[in-house]
Protein backbone atom coordinates (compact mmCIF):
# COMPACT_ATOMS: atom_id res chain seq x y z
CA MET A 1 108.18 76.26 46.33
CA PRO A 2 108.46 77.55 49.86
CA LEU A 3 110.42 80.52 48.56
CA MET A 4 107.63 81.41 46.10
CA ARG A 5 105.04 81.11 48.88
CA ARG A 6 107.06 83.38 51.11
CA MET A 7 107.40 85.94 48.34
CA ALA A 8 103.67 85.82 47.63
CA ARG A 9 102.82 86.12 51.30
CA THR A 10 105.24 89.05 51.66
CA ALA A 11 103.67 90.73 48.66
CA VAL A 12 100.18 90.28 50.10
CA VAL A 13 101.25 91.62 53.50
CA ALA A 14 103.04 94.57 51.94
CA GLY A 15 100.05 95.34 49.71
CA THR A 16 97.68 95.18 52.66
CA ALA A 17 99.93 97.43 54.74
CA THR A 18 100.12 99.93 51.93
CA ALA A 19 96.34 99.97 51.52
CA VAL A 20 95.80 100.42 55.27
CA ALA A 21 98.41 103.17 55.47
CA GLY A 22 96.79 104.94 52.52
CA GLY A 23 93.37 104.79 54.21
CA VAL A 24 94.79 106.15 57.45
CA SER A 25 96.56 108.91 55.57
CA ARG A 26 93.35 109.92 53.75
CA ARG A 27 91.36 109.98 57.01
CA GLN A 28 94.00 112.11 58.74
CA SER A 29 94.13 114.49 55.80
CA GLN A 30 90.35 114.83 55.84
CA ARG A 31 90.33 115.51 59.59
CA TRP A 32 93.01 118.18 59.20
CA GLN A 33 91.03 119.84 56.43
CA GLU A 34 87.92 119.86 58.62
CA GLN A 35 89.89 121.37 61.51
CA ASP A 36 91.34 124.03 59.20
CA ALA A 37 87.86 124.86 57.92
CA GLN A 38 86.57 125.18 61.50
CA ALA A 39 89.52 127.36 62.47
CA GLN A 40 88.89 129.63 59.49
CA GLY A 41 85.20 129.78 60.33
CA ASP A 42 86.04 130.75 63.91
CA ALA A 43 88.52 133.37 62.73
CA ALA A 44 86.10 135.02 60.30
CA PRO A 45 83.97 136.79 62.96
CA ALA A 46 87.13 138.02 64.67
CA ALA A 47 88.33 139.48 61.37
CA ALA A 48 85.02 141.29 60.89
CA ALA A 49 85.37 143.19 64.18
CA PRO A 50 88.38 145.30 63.14
CA GLN A 51 86.61 146.22 59.91
CA ALA A 52 83.64 147.47 61.91
CA ALA A 53 85.99 149.55 64.07
CA ALA A 54 87.62 151.20 61.05
CA PRO A 55 84.60 153.35 60.02
CA GLN A 56 84.24 154.60 63.60
CA ALA A 57 87.92 155.58 63.68
CA ASP A 58 87.38 157.33 60.36
CA MET A 59 84.40 159.19 61.82
CA VAL A 60 86.50 160.35 64.77
CA THR A 61 89.16 161.59 62.38
CA GLN A 62 86.58 163.48 60.34
CA LEU A 63 85.10 165.04 63.48
CA LYS A 64 88.56 166.18 64.55
CA GLU A 65 89.14 167.71 61.12
CA LEU A 66 85.80 169.53 61.31
CA ALA A 67 86.73 170.85 64.76
CA GLU A 68 90.04 172.10 63.41
CA LEU A 69 88.26 173.87 60.53
CA LYS A 70 85.89 175.48 63.04
CA ASP A 71 88.79 176.53 65.27
CA GLN A 72 90.56 178.08 62.26
CA GLY A 73 87.42 180.04 61.45
CA ILE A 74 86.83 178.27 58.15
CA LEU A 75 83.50 176.83 59.38
CA THR A 76 80.87 178.69 61.33
CA ASP A 77 79.21 177.13 64.36
CA GLU A 78 76.13 176.37 62.24
CA GLU A 79 78.18 174.77 59.44
CA PHE A 80 80.11 172.71 61.98
CA ALA A 81 76.89 171.54 63.63
CA ALA A 82 75.37 170.62 60.25
CA GLN A 83 78.46 168.66 59.11
CA LYS A 84 78.72 166.95 62.50
CA ALA A 85 75.05 165.91 62.29
CA LYS A 86 75.65 164.46 58.79
CA LEU A 87 78.61 162.42 60.02
CA LEU A 88 76.78 161.09 63.05
CA ALA A 89 73.66 160.24 61.06
CA GLY A 90 75.50 158.59 58.18
């Protein structure tokens, strides 16, 4: 009989340990997911900044191209001014 009691007690202890370990594991997993979500939320505004800079870089490139066309004589001063105004307004 003592052997059966020991086996039952061991089974109960092992089952309890497994349940506790599973609960701890779930809580840790949930915390990590929350931290990942916060990190992604913090990174999102930083990712938006380079996208905002891209159109301005594109505008600078277009202005340079217009200046080159003016320098080559393809655009008149009036045409250059009109195209430049469109770019800056748009």
